[in-house]
Protein backbone atom coordinates (compact mmCIF):
# COMPACT_ATOMS: atom_id res chain seq x y z
CA UNK A 1 -16.69 -65.51 -40.10
CA UNK A 2 -19.70 -63.23 -40.30
CA UNK A 3 -19.63 -60.02 -42.32
CA UNK A 4 -20.04 -58.03 -39.06
CA UNK A 5 -16.96 -59.66 -37.48
CA UNK A 6 -14.84 -59.16 -40.61
CA UNK A 7 -15.91 -55.39 -40.75
CA UNK A 8 -14.93 -55.11 -37.12
CA UNK A 9 -11.58 -56.66 -37.58
CA UNK A 10 -10.89 -54.45 -40.71
CA UNK A 11 -11.87 -51.26 -38.90
CA UNK A 12 -9.65 -52.19 -35.89
CA UNK A 13 -6.72 -52.81 -38.29
CA UNK A 14 -7.43 -49.50 -39.93
CA UNK A 15 -7.33 -47.71 -36.56
CA UNK A 16 -4.09 -49.41 -35.49
CA UNK A 17 -2.48 -48.45 -38.75
CA UNK A 18 -3.52 -44.84 -38.35
CA UNK A 19 -2.20 -44.92 -34.66
CA UNK A 20 1.07 -46.19 -35.81
CA UNK A 21 1.19 -43.57 -38.57
CA UNK A 22 0.34 -40.72 -36.17
CA UNK A 23 2.99 -42.13 -33.61
CA UNK A 24 5.66 -42.56 -36.37
CA UNK A 25 4.99 -38.88 -37.46
CA UNK A 26 4.33 -37.12 -34.19
CA UNK A 27 5.92 -39.45 -31.60
CA UNK A 28 8.94 -37.48 -30.97
CA UNK A 29 7.01 -34.27 -30.65
CA UNK A 30 4.59 -35.94 -28.15
CA UNK A 31 7.55 -37.24 -26.00
CA UNK A 32 9.17 -33.73 -26.08
CA UNK A 33 5.95 -32.10 -24.97
CA UNK A 34 5.44 -34.59 -22.05
CA UNK A 35 9.15 -34.04 -21.03
CA UNK A 36 8.62 -30.29 -21.07
CA UNK A 37 5.47 -30.52 -18.93
CA UNK A 38 7.35 -32.75 -16.47
CA UNK A 39 10.46 -30.50 -16.43
CA UNK A 40 8.33 -27.47 -16.04
CA UNK A 41 6.41 -28.83 -13.08
CA UNK A 42 9.73 -29.90 -11.42
CA UNK A 43 11.20 -26.35 -12.16
CA UNK A 44 8.14 -24.66 -10.83
CA UNK A 45 8.31 -26.67 -7.45
CA UNK A 46 12.01 -25.98 -7.16
CA UNK A 47 11.55 -22.22 -7.80
CA UNK A 48 8.68 -22.01 -5.23
CA UNK A 49 10.95 -23.64 -2.67
CA UNK A 50 13.85 -21.39 -3.48
CA UNK A 51 11.49 -18.28 -3.38
CA UNK A 52 10.11 -19.32 -0.04
CA UNK A 53 13.66 -19.68 1.34
CA UNK A 54 14.66 -16.32 0.04
CA UNK A 55 11.45 -14.73 1.55
CA UNK A 56 12.27 -16.24 4.94
CA UNK A 57 15.86 -14.83 4.51
CA UNK A 58 14.53 -11.47 3.63
CA UNK A 59 12.23 -11.48 6.58
CA UNK A 60 15.10 -12.16 8.89
CA UNK A 61 17.05 -9.29 7.14
CA UNK A 62 14.18 -6.97 7.81
CA UNK A 63 13.90 -7.92 11.53
CA UNK A 64 17.68 -7.50 11.84
CA UNK A 65 17.44 -3.93 10.45
CA UNK A 66 14.56 -3.09 12.79
CA UNK A 67 16.69 -4.21 15.66
CA UNK A 68 19.45 -1.74 14.41
CA UNK A 69 16.92 1.06 14.44
CA UNK A 70 15.82 0.12 18.02
CA UNK A 71 19.32 0.20 19.14
CA UNK A 72 20.01 3.68 17.67
CA UNK A 73 22.37 2.38 14.86
CA UNK A 74 20.70 4.32 12.12
CA UNK A 75 23.59 4.26 9.68
CA UNK A 76 23.78 0.49 9.92
CA UNK A 77 19.93 0.19 9.57
CA UNK A 78 19.98 2.46 6.55
CA UNK A 79 22.67 0.34 4.93
CA UNK A 80 20.85 -2.81 5.68
CA UNK A 81 17.47 -1.60 4.52
CA UNK A 82 18.83 -0.01 1.36
CA UNK A 83 20.27 -3.38 0.43
CA UNK A 84 17.01 -5.22 1.00
CA UNK A 85 15.30 -2.58 -0.99
CA UNK A 86 17.70 -3.32 -3.92
CA UNK A 87 17.73 -7.06 -4.03
CA UNK A 88 14.68 -8.37 -1.85
CA UNK A 89 11.97 -10.66 -3.10
CA UNK A 90 8.23 -10.19 -3.32
CA UNK A 91 7.06 -7.05 -1.47
CA UNK A 92 10.15 -6.84 0.76
CA UNK A 93 11.76 -3.96 -1.33
CA UNK A 94 8.72 -1.84 -0.82
CA UNK A 95 8.50 -2.60 2.84
CA UNK A 96 12.23 -2.01 3.28
CA UNK A 97 11.92 1.42 1.65
CA UNK A 98 9.02 2.37 4.11
CA UNK A 99 11.25 1.32 7.01
CA UNK A 100 14.20 3.06 5.39
CA UNK A 101 12.28 6.38 5.26
CA UNK A 102 11.42 6.00 9.01
CA UNK A 103 15.08 5.36 9.89
CA UNK A 104 16.11 8.44 7.81
CA UNK A 105 13.58 10.60 9.71
CA UNK A 106 14.84 9.30 13.09
CA UNK A 107 18.30 9.95 12.05
CA UNK A 108 17.54 13.64 11.52
CA UNK A 109 17.19 13.59 7.75
CA UNK A 110 13.74 14.55 6.86
CA UNK A 111 14.65 15.50 3.21
CA UNK A 112 15.91 11.93 2.60
CA UNK A 113 12.86 10.47 4.31
CA UNK A 114 10.53 12.33 2.03
CA UNK A 115 12.36 11.42 -1.05
CA UNK A 116 12.09 7.67 0.08
CA UNK A 117 8.38 7.93 0.72
CA UNK A 118 7.96 9.68 -2.59
CA UNK A 119 9.76 6.72 -4.30
CA UNK A 120 7.35 4.30 -2.72
CA UNK A 121 4.34 6.50 -3.70
CA UNK A 122 5.52 6.69 -7.29
CA UNK A 123 6.03 2.77 -7.51
CA UNK A 124 3.19 1.65 -9.71
CA UNK A 125 3.94 -2.01 -8.86
CA UNK A 126 3.62 -1.35 -5.14
CA UNK A 127 0.19 -2.05 -3.37
CA UNK A 128 -2.16 0.99 -3.56
CA UNK A 129 -2.39 0.96 0.36
CA UNK A 130 1.33 1.27 0.77
CA UNK A 131 1.70 4.02 -1.80
CA UNK A 132 -1.10 6.01 -0.19
CA UNK A 133 0.41 5.63 3.35
CA UNK A 134 3.79 6.66 1.87
CA UNK A 135 2.23 9.89 0.44
CA UNK A 136 0.59 10.60 3.88
CA UNK A 137 3.73 10.11 5.81
CA UNK A 138 5.65 12.37 3.49
CA UNK A 139 2.91 15.05 3.77
CA UNK A 140 3.07 14.94 7.63
CA UNK A 141 6.92 15.47 7.49
CA UNK A 142 6.54 18.33 5.10
CA UNK A 143 4.07 20.10 7.48
CA UNK A 144 7.24 20.97 9.50
CA UNK A 145 9.93 20.72 6.66
CA UNK A 146 8.10 22.01 3.62
CA UNK A 147 5.50 24.27 2.27
CA UNK A 148 1.67 23.99 2.32
CA UNK A 149 1.76 23.32 -1.46
CA UNK A 150 4.22 20.48 -0.83
CA UNK A 151 1.70 18.84 1.59
CA UNK A 152 -1.23 19.41 -0.77
CA UNK A 153 0.66 17.80 -3.79
CA UNK A 154 0.87 14.56 -1.70
CA UNK A 155 -2.29 14.51 0.34
CA UNK A 156 -5.09 16.29 -1.59
CA UNK A 157 -5.83 13.37 -3.73
CA UNK A 158 -6.64 11.37 -0.68
CA UNK A 159 -9.19 13.77 0.79
CA UNK A 160 -12.14 12.54 -1.26
CA UNK A 161 -15.15 10.70 0.21
CA UNK A 162 -14.44 7.00 0.62
CA UNK A 163 -10.65 7.36 0.61
CA UNK A 164 -9.33 5.24 3.45
CA UNK A 165 -6.77 7.88 4.49
CA UNK A 166 -9.19 10.90 4.02
CA UNK A 167 -8.96 12.05 7.66
CA UNK A 168 -5.16 12.14 7.92
CA UNK A 169 -4.99 13.80 4.65
CA UNK A 170 -7.38 16.53 5.76
CA UNK A 171 -5.42 17.03 8.99
CA UNK A 172 -2.18 17.25 7.21
CA UNK A 173 -3.39 20.05 4.81
CA UNK A 174 -5.07 21.86 7.64
CA UNK A 175 -1.85 21.82 9.65
CA UNK A 176 0.19 22.87 6.75
CA UNK A 177 -2.04 25.81 6.06
CA UNK A 178 -2.16 26.87 9.59
CA UNK A 179 1.56 26.77 9.98
CA UNK A 180 1.75 28.93 6.89
CA UNK A 181 -0.48 31.46 8.55
CA UNK A 182 -3.28 30.79 6.16
CA UNK A 183 -5.92 30.45 9.11
CA UNK A 184 -8.92 31.14 6.81
CA UNK A 185 -7.72 28.30 4.46
CA UNK A 186 -7.03 25.88 7.32
CA UNK A 187 -10.26 26.20 9.26
CA UNK A 188 -12.53 24.33 6.64
CA UNK A 189 -10.25 21.35 6.74
CA UNK A 190 -10.56 21.09 10.64
CA UNK A 191 -14.21 21.78 10.33
CA UNK A 192 -14.66 18.73 8.01
CA UNK A 193 -12.98 16.56 10.62
CA UNK A 194 -15.06 17.84 13.40
CA UNK A 195 -18.27 17.43 11.39
CA UNK A 196 -17.53 13.92 10.16
CA UNK A 197 -18.73 11.26 12.67
CA UNK A 198 -16.32 8.74 11.21
CA UNK A 199 -13.22 10.90 12.15
CA UNK A 200 -11.20 9.05 14.77
CA UNK A 201 -11.91 10.40 18.28
CA UNK A 202 -8.35 11.68 18.84
CA UNK A 203 -8.07 13.30 15.58
CA UNK A 204 -11.55 15.01 15.96
CA UNK A 205 -10.37 16.32 19.42
CA UNK A 206 -7.15 17.67 17.81
CA UNK A 207 -9.32 19.37 15.03
CA UNK A 208 -11.59 21.06 17.63
CA UNK A 209 -8.38 22.33 19.54
CA UNK A 210 -7.26 23.70 16.19
CA UNK A 211 -10.50 25.47 15.60
CA UNK A 212 -10.32 26.99 19.00
CA UNK A 213 -6.71 28.10 18.40
CA UNK A 214 -7.58 29.62 15.10
CA UNK A 215 -10.52 31.59 16.66
CA UNK A 216 -8.20 32.84 19.25
CA UNK A 217 -5.56 33.83 16.70
CA UNK A 218 -8.18 35.55 14.40
CA UNK A 219 -10.21 36.95 17.14
CA UNK A 220 -13.36 35.23 15.75
CA UNK A 221 -15.70 32.91 17.56
CA UNK A 222 -15.35 29.16 16.85
CA UNK A 223 -18.21 27.55 15.07
CA UNK A 224 -21.09 26.77 17.32
CA UNK A 225 -22.59 23.30 17.61
CA UNK A 226 -25.91 22.93 15.81
CA UNK A 227 -29.01 22.88 18.19
CA UNK A 228 -30.33 19.52 19.03
CA UNK A 229 -33.16 18.24 16.69
CA UNK A 230 -36.64 18.13 18.41
CA UNK A 231 -37.99 14.69 19.03
CA UNK A 232 -41.44 13.45 17.95
CA UNK A 233 -43.26 15.36 20.61
CA UNK A 234 -41.64 18.62 19.53
CA UNK A 235 -39.30 18.77 22.48
CA UNK A 236 -35.51 19.03 22.07
CA UNK A 237 -33.58 15.79 22.22
CA UNK A 238 -31.96 15.85 25.78
CA UNK A 239 -28.88 13.89 24.31
């Protein structure tokens, strides 16, 4: 036997001995870890299936509640939606509260509807988009059932440039101020809507009508449109 062969056999024996020693010392721990991984994987798959099943059930519950609203059974719808808001999975509790507020409003209870929308708006775990929509809906309700300050508390933070709900926020505040008799305060909000080319057409038209109404109420002339800019030849743009 050559020295190289002998050395290889000795090294192999040492490695095997080390492996046996490691297994003897940590074998139970290794088995336990593998078992935990397997059990964890099984548990996760089972939990996902259960969650998917519960989500499907919650979806059916939401549809059933919407049908109650459509049939005019607001009391039944409120009960069903409140239950879903309490024990629903995923985002169903937030969605259920949004529908609950709508049902409360249709049932003639704007105070309860505002409180429900406010609860959604204050829910930090809810998606930002839903929280903002809840604030705007509460603001619109309060145009008729609250004060201008109530409306501003919910809508003013959404009037900044780049806010997705900037236009309805401006409209809600303008309407609240107009309803409160603050025509001078309301006019700039409608003016922003008219001057903003990104304002939805229907809302821009309502803003123009409000400008005309305020002008009639105050005896002042509505803001005139700016003259057309001259073209390259110095003539007014015919458009």
